Structure formats: C-alpha cells, structure tokens
C-alpha cells in the first residue's frame, strides 16, 4: 500500500461518525454491537450477523435491532455502508492539522444529516414574528450566542444577550407571549440555561433550543428543537466539533432572517467600514 495515500478523504467516514454518535443513545446490549463494528470496521464487512453477535456478546436479534436503532434497515445495510466508508489504516505521517480538518468535516456532515428542515423553518418563523428576543447560554455556548446576537442586530432585530447567568434569568423572567428565548446547550442539561428557559416558558415565550441531544431536560422544555447530534464519548467534556454545527445553525437562522427582512443590505457593510481606521 502506498504510504502517501491518506487514510480517509474528508467525509468518507460519515457512517463511522454516525456509529460513534449512537454510542451515547443506545442501550448496553445495542451499544456493544456498535462498539464491535467500530473496533474492526474493515473486518466486520465480511462477517455474518451471527459473527457480529458473537463478537458483541449478544444475540442476532439484538444486532438487527441495534442496526435499526442506528438508522439502518438491518445488518446487511450497515455492512454495505461500512464497506463503502471505512477508512484505511491510519497514516503515522498525518499532521494533526489534517486530522482536525477531516474530523471537522465529518462533524459538520453529521450535524446536517441530523437537522430537521421543518424545525429550522419553524425557528425562522418564530424569530421573524418575535416581539422580544433573548439569547441565553453559558460556558462554551456563550461565545456563539454573542456572535449570533450581533448578527441578528444587523437585520433590525432588537436582541438581548446578557453574558451574566443571573442577568439572563432576569431577562427570561420578563418574557411573555409573543417573545422568543433562543438558547444553545451541547448537553441540554446546563443548570443555568434550564432555569432561564423554564422562566421564559412560564411567561408564555417560545423556546428555541440548539443542542446535540434529542433527549434531554432542555428538549422537554423547548417548543422548537434543532438537534445536530453528538459525536462520541470522547467529546462529551470538550465537544468542540459539535459546536461547529451549532454555529452553522445560528448562522443559518441569521441568513434566513436577513433574506426575509427589509433591512438595507449594505447596513452591516457600512458599520464595519466605519469602524476601520483610515490610513494617513
């Protein structure tokens, strides 16, 4: 094998990325099936259902159920997709830069695959008609929200995006029917974010949540949920790659608002130009 050939081209391991994401969502027996496939993706394409069941320490029925839970029609479907996408052996010469960009491409592809356009459209409609718009989120989710707040302002939206968690709760508590509370939370279980969203919900506001998990305390509260899917167990503490999709979702919401607003299209350009210091 030519050592100069990269171990996988960007996007070719999307199926394996989907399997890694499923680890957090499957039950113990089904999770062992996914782990067995991930442990030997090149070998598993030659296995039978019984051989995979044996490797996973479970039954053939569980193998079939696990494949369906991960979005495949059955093991034969999964095997074909893995055969098409399984990467070659890792190259010891690959620079971290290359791997990071490949992982990022896979993360974005998985996020797009997980998103429901109907929910995206519902979020845009709610934002267009909102009387007040309050953005809440803390920790690593705060910077994307601050960026979104500035972008929403360019389409004539009055946006409140307090950085302090107590200020967020004060703002959320004052929301009522016709208002929108937009939040970003990777886990959907951030205590401060949940408090703010519950307060906004009690006042009658519409809650839009951008998150990586379809089942979480936040998704139980939110009216509109935009789920981009997690990546793997390794990214639970530092879910940087998942946040790329969160940022793209926020950017999409801004782009749709901009396209449907009556705001002068050169306003943002003029503001940016005015902030640049003239050369003398």
C-alpha atoms as a PDB file:
ATOM      1  CA  UNK A   1       0.000   0.000   0.000  1.00  0.00           C
ATOM      2  CA  UNK A   2       1.270   3.461  -0.888  1.00  0.00           C
ATOM      3  CA  UNK A   3       2.116   5.259   2.364  1.00  0.00           C
ATOM      4  CA  UNK A   4       1.392   8.602   0.695  1.00  0.00           C
ATOM      5  CA  UNK A   5      -2.292   7.752   0.322  1.00  0.00           C
ATOM      6  CA  UNK A   6      -4.281   9.431   3.130  1.00  0.00           C
ATOM      7  CA  UNK A   7      -6.165   7.075   5.438  1.00  0.00           C
ATOM      8  CA  UNK A   8      -9.510   8.617   4.500  1.00  0.00           C
ATOM      9  CA  UNK A   9     -10.705  11.505   2.417  1.00  0.00           C
ATOM     10  CA  UNK A  10     -12.878  14.176   4.072  1.00  0.00           C
ATOM     11  CA  UNK A  11     -16.427  12.933   4.545  1.00  0.00           C
ATOM     12  CA  UNK A  12     -15.755   9.260   3.789  1.00  0.00           C
ATOM     13  CA  UNK A  13     -16.100   8.173   7.454  1.00  0.00           C
ATOM     14  CA  UNK A  14     -19.536   9.708   7.968  1.00  0.00           C
ATOM     15  CA  UNK A  15     -21.096   6.297   8.650  1.00  0.00           C
ATOM     16  CA  UNK A  16     -18.497   5.559  11.313  1.00  0.00           C
ATOM     17  CA  UNK A  17     -19.072   9.006  12.801  1.00  0.00           C
ATOM     18  CA  UNK A  18     -22.771   8.210  12.984  1.00  0.00           C
ATOM     19  CA  UNK A  19     -21.973   4.962  14.798  1.00  0.00           C
ATOM     20  CA  UNK A  20     -19.811   6.809  17.309  1.00  0.00           C
ATOM     21  CA  UNK A  21     -22.630   9.253  17.925  1.00  0.00           C
ATOM     22  CA  UNK A  22     -25.017   6.353  18.548  1.00  0.00           C
ATOM     23  CA  UNK A  23     -22.917   5.082  21.450  1.00  0.00           C
ATOM     24  CA  UNK A  24     -24.466   7.714  23.705  1.00  0.00           C
ATOM     25  CA  UNK A  25     -28.013   6.866  22.689  1.00  0.00           C
ATOM     26  CA  UNK A  26     -28.109   3.059  22.603  1.00  0.00           C
ATOM     27  CA  UNK A  27     -28.824   0.640  25.410  1.00  0.00           C
ATOM     28  CA  UNK A  28     -25.971  -1.518  26.799  1.00  0.00           C
ATOM     29  CA  UNK A  29     -26.516  -4.538  24.503  1.00  0.00           C
ATOM     30  CA  UNK A  30     -27.031  -2.472  21.359  1.00  0.00           C
ATOM     31  CA  UNK A  31     -24.052  -0.297  22.256  1.00  0.00           C
ATOM     32  CA  UNK A  32     -21.810  -3.370  22.257  1.00  0.00           C
ATOM     33  CA  UNK A  33     -22.882  -4.034  18.665  1.00  0.00           C
ATOM     34  CA  UNK A  34     -21.838  -0.533  17.586  1.00  0.00           C
ATOM     35  CA  UNK A  35     -18.576  -0.832  19.514  1.00  0.00           C
ATOM     36  CA  UNK A  36     -17.802  -4.143  17.819  1.00  0.00           C
ATOM     37  CA  UNK A  37     -18.260  -2.561  14.394  1.00  0.00           C
ATOM     38  CA  UNK A  38     -16.142   0.450  15.315  1.00  0.00           C
ATOM     39  CA  UNK A  39     -13.401  -1.803  16.688  1.00  0.00           C
ATOM     40  CA  UNK A  40     -12.972  -3.634  13.370  1.00  0.00           C
ATOM     41  CA  UNK A  41     -14.722  -1.755  10.532  1.00  0.00           C
ATOM     42  CA  UNK A  42     -12.575  -3.373   7.824  1.00  0.00           C
ATOM     43  CA  UNK A  43     -13.128  -6.888   9.152  1.00  0.00           C
ATOM     44  CA  UNK A  44     -16.813  -6.611  10.002  1.00  0.00           C
ATOM     45  CA  UNK A  45     -17.811  -6.248   6.351  1.00  0.00           C
ATOM     46  CA  UNK A  46     -17.000  -9.952   5.902  1.00  0.00           C
ATOM     47  CA  UNK A  47     -18.908 -11.081   8.989  1.00  0.00           C
ATOM     48  CA  UNK A  48     -22.329 -12.640   9.223  1.00  0.00           C
ATOM     49  CA  UNK A  49     -24.971 -11.454  11.650  1.00  0.00           C
ATOM     50  CA  UNK A  50     -24.115 -14.370  13.920  1.00  0.00           C
ATOM     51  CA  UNK A  51     -20.406 -13.497  13.899  1.00  0.00           C
ATOM     52  CA  UNK A  52     -21.132  -9.884  14.839  1.00  0.00           C
ATOM     53  CA  UNK A  53     -23.471 -11.065  17.592  1.00  0.00           C
ATOM     54  CA  UNK A  54     -20.719 -13.299  18.946  1.00  0.00           C
ATOM     55  CA  UNK A  55     -18.155 -10.504  18.849  1.00  0.00           C
ATOM     56  CA  UNK A  56     -20.575  -8.211  20.680  1.00  0.00           C
ATOM     57  CA  UNK A  57     -21.578 -10.869  23.193  1.00  0.00           C
ATOM     58  CA  UNK A  58     -25.246 -10.577  22.299  1.00  0.00           C
ATOM     59  CA  UNK A  59     -27.951 -12.162  20.107  1.00  0.00           C
ATOM     60  CA  UNK A  60     -28.638 -11.850  16.389  1.00  0.00           C
ATOM     61  CA  UNK A  61     -31.974 -10.230  17.235  1.00  0.00           C
ATOM     62  CA  UNK A  62     -30.138  -7.550  19.196  1.00  0.00           C
ATOM     63  CA  UNK A  63     -27.789  -6.993  16.238  1.00  0.00           C
ATOM     64  CA  UNK A  64     -30.755  -6.375  13.957  1.00  0.00           C
ATOM     65  CA  UNK A  65     -32.425  -4.109  16.495  1.00  0.00           C
ATOM     66  CA  UNK A  66     -29.199  -2.155  17.037  1.00  0.00           C
ATOM     67  CA  UNK A  67     -28.755  -1.616  13.299  1.00  0.00           C
ATOM     68  CA  UNK A  68     -32.302  -0.272  13.022  1.00  0.00           C
ATOM     69  CA  UNK A  69     -31.785   1.985  16.060  1.00  0.00           C
ATOM     70  CA  UNK A  70     -28.768   3.480  14.284  1.00  0.00           C
ATOM     71  CA  UNK A  71     -30.814   4.245  11.179  1.00  0.00           C
ATOM     72  CA  UNK A  72     -30.080   1.206   9.003  1.00  0.00           C
ATOM     73  CA  UNK A  73     -32.545  -1.307   7.613  1.00  0.00           C
ATOM     74  CA  UNK A  74     -30.530  -4.171   9.074  1.00  0.00           C
ATOM     75  CA  UNK A  75     -27.034  -5.602   9.333  1.00  0.00           C
ATOM     76  CA  UNK A  76     -26.665  -6.119   5.588  1.00  0.00           C
ATOM     77  CA  UNK A  77     -27.429  -2.432   5.019  1.00  0.00           C
ATOM     78  CA  UNK A  78     -24.996  -1.415   7.751  1.00  0.00           C
ATOM     79  CA  UNK A  79     -22.304  -3.741   6.360  1.00  0.00           C
ATOM     80  CA  UNK A  80     -22.596  -2.243   2.881  1.00  0.00           C
ATOM     81  CA  UNK A  81     -22.386   1.317   4.178  1.00  0.00           C
ATOM     82  CA  UNK A  82     -19.387   0.498   6.375  1.00  0.00           C
ATOM     83  CA  UNK A  83     -17.650  -1.202   3.449  1.00  0.00           C
ATOM     84  CA  UNK A  84     -18.044   1.995   1.446  1.00  0.00           C
ATOM     85  CA  UNK A  85     -16.886   4.348   4.174  1.00  0.00           C
ATOM     86  CA  UNK A  86     -14.459   2.500   6.472  1.00  0.00           C
ATOM     87  CA  UNK A  87     -11.092   4.310   6.479  1.00  0.00           C
ATOM     88  CA  UNK A  88      -7.806   2.646   5.705  1.00  0.00           C
ATOM     89  CA  UNK A  89      -5.121   2.169   8.329  1.00  0.00           C
ATOM     90  CA  UNK A  90      -4.077   5.467   9.966  1.00  0.00           C
ATOM     91  CA  UNK A  91      -1.001   7.086   8.492  1.00  0.00           C
ATOM     92  CA  UNK A  92       1.787   7.796  11.015  1.00  0.00           C
ATOM     93  CA  UNK A  93       2.811  10.785   8.863  1.00  0.00           C
ATOM     94  CA  UNK A  94      -0.517  12.628   9.103  1.00  0.00           C
ATOM     95  CA  UNK A  95      -0.257  16.027  10.717  1.00  0.00           C
ATOM     96  CA  UNK A  96      -2.726  16.959  13.449  1.00  0.00           C
ATOM     97  CA  UNK A  97      -3.964  19.785  11.222  1.00  0.00           C
ATOM     98  CA  UNK A  98      -5.132  17.310   8.578  1.00  0.00           C
ATOM     99  CA  UNK A  99      -6.911  15.079  11.094  1.00  0.00           C
ATOM    100  CA  UNK A 100      -8.652  18.004  12.764  1.00  0.00           C
ATOM    101  CA  UNK A 101     -10.000  19.282   9.463  1.00  0.00           C
ATOM    102  CA  UNK A 102     -11.154  15.791   8.478  1.00  0.00           C
ATOM    103  CA  UNK A 103     -12.888  15.345  11.850  1.00  0.00           C
ATOM    104  CA  UNK A 104     -14.490  18.769  11.465  1.00  0.00           C
ATOM    105  CA  UNK A 105     -15.825  17.892   8.020  1.00  0.00           C
ATOM    106  CA  UNK A 106     -17.321  14.684   9.398  1.00  0.00           C
ATOM    107  CA  UNK A 107     -18.850  16.548  12.345  1.00  0.00           C
ATOM    108  CA  UNK A 108     -20.485  19.111  10.082  1.00  0.00           C
ATOM    109  CA  UNK A 109     -21.805  16.416   7.747  1.00  0.00           C
ATOM    110  CA  UNK A 110     -23.298  14.522  10.682  1.00  0.00           C
ATOM    111  CA  UNK A 111     -24.833  17.701  12.063  1.00  0.00           C
ATOM    112  CA  UNK A 112     -26.506  18.478   8.737  1.00  0.00           C
ATOM    113  CA  UNK A 113     -27.785  14.915   8.468  1.00  0.00           C
ATOM    114  CA  UNK A 114     -29.353  15.182  11.925  1.00  0.00           C
ATOM    115  CA  UNK A 115     -31.128  18.520  11.430  1.00  0.00           C
ATOM    116  CA  UNK A 116     -34.819  18.695  10.545  1.00  0.00           C
ATOM    117  CA  UNK A 117     -35.564  21.433   7.998  1.00  0.00           C
ATOM    118  CA  UNK A 118     -39.147  21.679   9.245  1.00  0.00           C
ATOM    119  CA  UNK A 119     -37.816  22.651  12.669  1.00  0.00           C
ATOM    120  CA  UNK A 120     -35.369  25.134  11.142  1.00  0.00           C
ATOM    121  CA  UNK A 121     -38.211  26.786   9.247  1.00  0.00           C
ATOM    122  CA  UNK A 122     -40.325  26.902  12.406  1.00  0.00           C
ATOM    123  CA  UNK A 123     -37.458  28.620  14.224  1.00  0.00           C
ATOM    124  CA  UNK A 124     -37.099  31.239  11.477  1.00  0.00           C
ATOM    125  CA  UNK A 125     -40.844  31.927  11.533  1.00  0.00           C
ATOM    126  CA  UNK A 126     -40.810  32.363  15.310  1.00  0.00           C
ATOM    127  CA  UNK A 127     -37.830  34.715  15.155  1.00  0.00           C
ATOM    128  CA  UNK A 128     -39.432  36.816  12.429  1.00  0.00           C
ATOM    129  CA  UNK A 129     -42.561  37.403  14.494  1.00  0.00           C
ATOM    130  CA  UNK A 130     -40.905  37.778  17.912  1.00  0.00           C
ATOM    131  CA  UNK A 131     -41.691  40.915  19.887  1.00  0.00           C
ATOM    132  CA  UNK A 132     -38.604  40.424  22.051  1.00  0.00           C
ATOM    133  CA  UNK A 133     -35.652  38.112  21.529  1.00  0.00           C
ATOM    134  CA  UNK A 134     -33.486  36.975  24.428  1.00  0.00           C
ATOM    135  CA  UNK A 135     -30.468  34.695  23.973  1.00  0.00           C
ATOM    136  CA  UNK A 136     -29.342  32.534  26.891  1.00  0.00           C
ATOM    137  CA  UNK A 137     -26.418  30.160  27.305  1.00  0.00           C
ATOM    138  CA  UNK A 138     -23.257  29.839  29.353  1.00  0.00           C
ATOM    139  CA  UNK A 139     -19.825  28.291  29.255  1.00  0.00           C
ATOM    140  CA  UNK A 140     -18.648  27.234  25.804  1.00  0.00           C
ATOM    141  CA  UNK A 141     -22.096  28.028  24.375  1.00  0.00           C
ATOM    142  CA  UNK A 142     -21.857  31.708  25.272  1.00  0.00           C
ATOM    143  CA  UNK A 143     -19.476  32.931  22.505  1.00  0.00           C
ATOM    144  CA  UNK A 144     -21.603  31.561  19.610  1.00  0.00           C
ATOM    145  CA  UNK A 145     -24.653  33.262  21.111  1.00  0.00           C
ATOM    146  CA  UNK A 146     -22.867  36.606  21.425  1.00  0.00           C
ATOM    147  CA  UNK A 147     -21.844  36.323  17.774  1.00  0.00           C
ATOM    148  CA  UNK A 148     -25.433  35.472  16.818  1.00  0.00           C
ATOM    149  CA  UNK A 149     -26.750  38.439  18.782  1.00  0.00           C
ATOM    150  CA  UNK A 150     -24.538  40.823  16.832  1.00  0.00           C
ATOM    151  CA  UNK A 151     -25.597  39.245  13.534  1.00  0.00           C
ATOM    152  CA  UNK A 152     -29.308  39.369  14.384  1.00  0.00           C
ATOM    153  CA  UNK A 153     -28.877  43.076  15.128  1.00  0.00           C
ATOM    154  CA  UNK A 154     -27.809  43.607  11.506  1.00  0.00           C
ATOM    155  CA  UNK A 155     -31.289  42.619  10.338  1.00  0.00           C
ATOM    156  CA  UNK A 156     -33.008  45.126  12.564  1.00  0.00           C
ATOM    157  CA  UNK A 157     -33.764  42.775  15.446  1.00  0.00           C
ATOM    158  CA  UNK A 158     -33.656  44.135  18.977  1.00  0.00           C
ATOM    159  CA  UNK A 159     -31.645  41.417  20.715  1.00  0.00           C
ATOM    160  CA  UNK A 160     -30.870  40.901  24.382  1.00  0.00           C
ATOM    161  CA  UNK A 161     -27.927  38.604  25.111  1.00  0.00           C
ATOM    162  CA  UNK A 162     -26.786  39.115  28.713  1.00  0.00           C
ATOM    163  CA  UNK A 163     -23.462  37.450  29.462  1.00  0.00           C
ATOM    164  CA  UNK A 164     -24.155  37.031  33.170  1.00  0.00           C
ATOM    165  CA  UNK A 165     -26.295  33.986  34.032  1.00  0.00           C
ATOM    166  CA  UNK A 166     -28.333  35.926  36.597  1.00  0.00           C
ATOM    167  CA  UNK A 167     -28.977  38.686  34.086  1.00  0.00           C
ATOM    168  CA  UNK A 168     -30.134  36.008  31.652  1.00  0.00           C
ATOM    169  CA  UNK A 169     -32.652  34.746  34.160  1.00  0.00           C
ATOM    170  CA  UNK A 170     -33.911  38.271  34.874  1.00  0.00           C
ATOM    171  CA  UNK A 171     -34.406  38.861  31.150  1.00  0.00           C
ATOM    172  CA  UNK A 172     -36.048  35.465  30.648  1.00  0.00           C
ATOM    173  CA  UNK A 173     -38.435  36.040  33.533  1.00  0.00           C
ATOM    174  CA  UNK A 174     -39.731  39.210  31.873  1.00  0.00           C
ATOM    175  CA  UNK A 175     -40.617  37.429  28.604  1.00  0.00           C
ATOM    176  CA  UNK A 176     -44.231  36.771  27.687  1.00  0.00           C
ATOM    177  CA  UNK A 177     -46.442  35.509  24.868  1.00  0.00           C
ATOM    178  CA  UNK A 178     -45.088  36.640  21.505  1.00  0.00           C
ATOM    179  CA  UNK A 179     -41.480  36.693  22.710  1.00  0.00           C
ATOM    180  CA  UNK A 180     -38.711  34.212  21.915  1.00  0.00           C
ATOM    181  CA  UNK A 181     -35.949  32.755  24.051  1.00  0.00           C
ATOM    182  CA  UNK A 182     -33.156  31.253  21.921  1.00  0.00           C
ATOM    183  CA  UNK A 183     -30.647  29.014  23.665  1.00  0.00           C
ATOM    184  CA  UNK A 184     -27.625  26.868  22.805  1.00  0.00           C
ATOM    185  CA  UNK A 185     -26.603  23.960  25.025  1.00  0.00           C
ATOM    186  CA  UNK A 186     -24.489  20.994  23.956  1.00  0.00           C
ATOM    187  CA  UNK A 187     -25.821  18.609  26.614  1.00  0.00           C
ATOM    188  CA  UNK A 188     -29.226  20.194  27.128  1.00  0.00           C
ATOM    189  CA  UNK A 189     -28.652  19.828  30.853  1.00  0.00           C
ATOM    190  CA  UNK A 190     -26.918  23.075  31.859  1.00  0.00           C
ATOM    191  CA  UNK A 191     -28.480  24.214  35.143  1.00  0.00           C
ATOM    192  CA  UNK A 192     -28.381  27.966  34.457  1.00  0.00           C
ATOM    193  CA  UNK A 193     -29.740  27.557  30.938  1.00  0.00           C
ATOM    194  CA  UNK A 194     -32.573  25.337  32.156  1.00  0.00           C
ATOM    195  CA  UNK A 195     -33.551  27.851  34.855  1.00  0.00           C
ATOM    196  CA  UNK A 196     -33.714  30.672  32.309  1.00  0.00           C
ATOM    197  CA  UNK A 197     -35.678  28.629  29.783  1.00  0.00           C
ATOM    198  CA  UNK A 198     -38.181  27.453  32.395  1.00  0.00           C
ATOM    199  CA  UNK A 199     -38.724  31.059  33.456  1.00  0.00           C
ATOM    200  CA  UNK A 200     -39.301  32.128  29.845  1.00  0.00           C
ATOM    201  CA  UNK A 201     -41.643  29.187  29.301  1.00  0.00           C
ATOM    202  CA  UNK A 202     -43.715  30.077  32.340  1.00  0.00           C
ATOM    203  CA  UNK A 203     -44.196  33.556  30.933  1.00  0.00           C
ATOM    204  CA  UNK A 204     -45.517  32.168  27.657  1.00  0.00           C
ATOM    205  CA  UNK A 205     -42.451  32.773  25.458  1.00  0.00           C
ATOM    206  CA  UNK A 206     -41.454  30.408  22.643  1.00  0.00           C
ATOM    207  CA  UNK A 207     -38.281  28.454  23.419  1.00  0.00           C
ATOM    208  CA  UNK A 208     -35.892  27.617  20.552  1.00  0.00           C
ATOM    209  CA  UNK A 209     -33.107  25.227  21.535  1.00  0.00           C
ATOM    210  CA  UNK A 210     -29.951  24.352  19.583  1.00  0.00           C
ATOM    211  CA  UNK A 211     -28.448  21.223  21.126  1.00  0.00           C
ATOM    212  CA  UNK A 212     -26.671  17.956  20.381  1.00  0.00           C
ATOM    213  CA  UNK A 213     -29.011  15.583  22.188  1.00  0.00           C
ATOM    214  CA  UNK A 214     -32.578  14.842  21.170  1.00  0.00           C
ATOM    215  CA  UNK A 215     -33.453  13.618  24.644  1.00  0.00           C
ATOM    216  CA  UNK A 216     -32.528  15.970  27.461  1.00  0.00           C
ATOM    217  CA  UNK A 217     -34.194  18.221  30.057  1.00  0.00           C
ATOM    218  CA  UNK A 218     -33.892  21.129  27.610  1.00  0.00           C
ATOM    219  CA  UNK A 219     -35.712  19.366  24.775  1.00  0.00           C
ATOM    220  CA  UNK A 220     -38.560  18.653  27.187  1.00  0.00           C
ATOM    221  CA  UNK A 221     -38.948  22.402  27.731  1.00  0.00           C
ATOM    222  CA  UNK A 222     -38.304  23.763  24.241  1.00  0.00           C
ATOM    223  CA  UNK A 223     -41.036  24.376  21.685  1.00  0.00           C
ATOM    224  CA  UNK A 224     -38.639  24.136  18.723  1.00  0.00           C
ATOM    225  CA  UNK A 225     -35.585  21.867  18.920  1.00  0.00           C
ATOM    226  CA  UNK A 226     -32.691  21.956  16.443  1.00  0.00           C
ATOM    227  CA  UNK A 227     -30.637  18.814  17.105  1.00  0.00           C
ATOM    228  CA  UNK A 228     -27.228  18.443  15.462  1.00  0.00           C
ATOM    229  CA  UNK A 229     -26.267  15.147  17.177  1.00  0.00           C
ATOM    230  CA  UNK A 230     -23.247  14.473  19.421  1.00  0.00           C
ATOM    231  CA  UNK A 231     -20.064  12.898  18.116  1.00  0.00           C
ATOM    232  CA  UNK A 232     -18.597  10.381  20.517  1.00  0.00           C
ATOM    233  CA  UNK A 233     -17.916   9.615  24.135  1.00  0.00           C
ATOM    234  CA  UNK A 234     -14.531  11.310  23.746  1.00  0.00           C
ATOM    235  CA  UNK A 235     -16.138  14.677  23.005  1.00  0.00           C
ATOM    236  CA  UNK A 236     -18.525  14.843  25.973  1.00  0.00           C
ATOM    237  CA  UNK A 237     -16.187  17.029  28.068  1.00  0.00           C
ATOM    238  CA  UNK A 238     -14.798  19.107  25.194  1.00  0.00           C
ATOM    239  CA  UNK A 239     -17.454  18.946  22.457  1.00  0.00           C
ATOM    240  CA  UNK A 240     -15.701  21.455  20.215  1.00  0.00           C
ATOM    241  CA  UNK A 241     -16.503  19.742  16.918  1.00  0.00           C
ATOM    242  CA  UNK A 242     -20.207  19.503  17.758  1.00  0.00           C
ATOM    243  CA  UNK A 243     -20.247  23.238  18.362  1.00  0.00           C
ATOM    244  CA  UNK A 244     -19.238  23.845  14.763  1.00  0.00           C
ATOM    245  CA  UNK A 245     -22.701  22.651  13.751  1.00  0.00           C
ATOM    246  CA  UNK A 246     -24.293  24.824  16.451  1.00  0.00           C
ATOM    247  CA  UNK A 247     -22.598  27.868  14.974  1.00  0.00           C
ATOM    248  CA  UNK A 248     -23.706  26.931  11.475  1.00  0.00           C
ATOM    249  CA  UNK A 249     -27.301  26.583  12.684  1.00  0.00           C
ATOM    250  CA  UNK A 250     -27.183  30.068  14.212  1.00  0.00           C
ATOM    251  CA  UNK A 251     -25.634  31.407  11.026  1.00  0.00           C
ATOM    252  CA  UNK A 252     -28.436  29.775   9.011  1.00  0.00           C
ATOM    253  CA  UNK A 253     -31.077  31.431  11.178  1.00  0.00           C
ATOM    254  CA  UNK A 254     -29.396  34.802  10.628  1.00  0.00           C
ATOM    255  CA  UNK A 255     -29.115  34.211   6.870  1.00  0.00           C
ATOM    256  CA  UNK A 256     -32.818  33.380   6.622  1.00  0.00           C
ATOM    257  CA  UNK A 257     -33.787  36.415   8.690  1.00  0.00           C
ATOM    258  CA  UNK A 258     -31.567  38.618   6.548  1.00  0.00           C
ATOM    259  CA  UNK A 259     -33.066  37.236   3.332  1.00  0.00           C
ATOM    260  CA  UNK A 260     -36.613  37.891   4.536  1.00  0.00           C
ATOM    261  CA  UNK A 261     -36.098  41.251   6.214  1.00  0.00           C
ATOM    262  CA  UNK A 262     -36.468  44.702   4.746  1.00  0.00           C
ATOM    263  CA  UNK A 263     -33.210  45.885   6.258  1.00  0.00           C
ATOM    264  CA  UNK A 264     -30.877  47.702   3.901  1.00  0.00           C
ATOM    265  CA  UNK A 265     -28.431  45.068   2.691  1.00  0.00           C
ATOM    266  CA  UNK A 266     -25.451  47.411   2.987  1.00  0.00           C
ATOM    267  CA  UNK A 267     -26.058  48.379   6.633  1.00  0.00           C
ATOM    268  CA  UNK A 268     -23.654  45.812   8.076  1.00  0.00           C
ATOM    269  CA  UNK A 269     -21.032  46.699   5.485  1.00  0.00           C
ATOM    270  CA  UNK A 270     -21.280  50.409   6.330  1.00  0.00           C
ATOM    271  CA  UNK A 271     -20.945  49.746  10.065  1.00  0.00           C
ATOM    272  CA  UNK A 272     -17.865  47.608   9.534  1.00  0.00           C
ATOM    273  CA  UNK A 273     -16.296  50.151   7.192  1.00  0.00           C
ATOM    274  CA  UNK A 274     -16.891  52.951   9.704  1.00  0.00           C
ATOM    275  CA  UNK A 275     -15.015  51.021  12.390  1.00  0.00           C
ATOM    276  CA  UNK A 276     -11.873  50.735  10.293  1.00  0.00           C
ATOM    277  CA  UNK A 277      -9.247  53.361  10.903  1.00  0.00           C
ATOM    278  CA  UNK A 278      -8.350  55.368   7.839  1.00  0.00           C
ATOM    279  CA  UNK A 279      -4.755  55.285   6.682  1.00  0.00           C
ATOM    280  CA  UNK A 280      -2.996  58.591   6.735  1.00  0.00           C
END
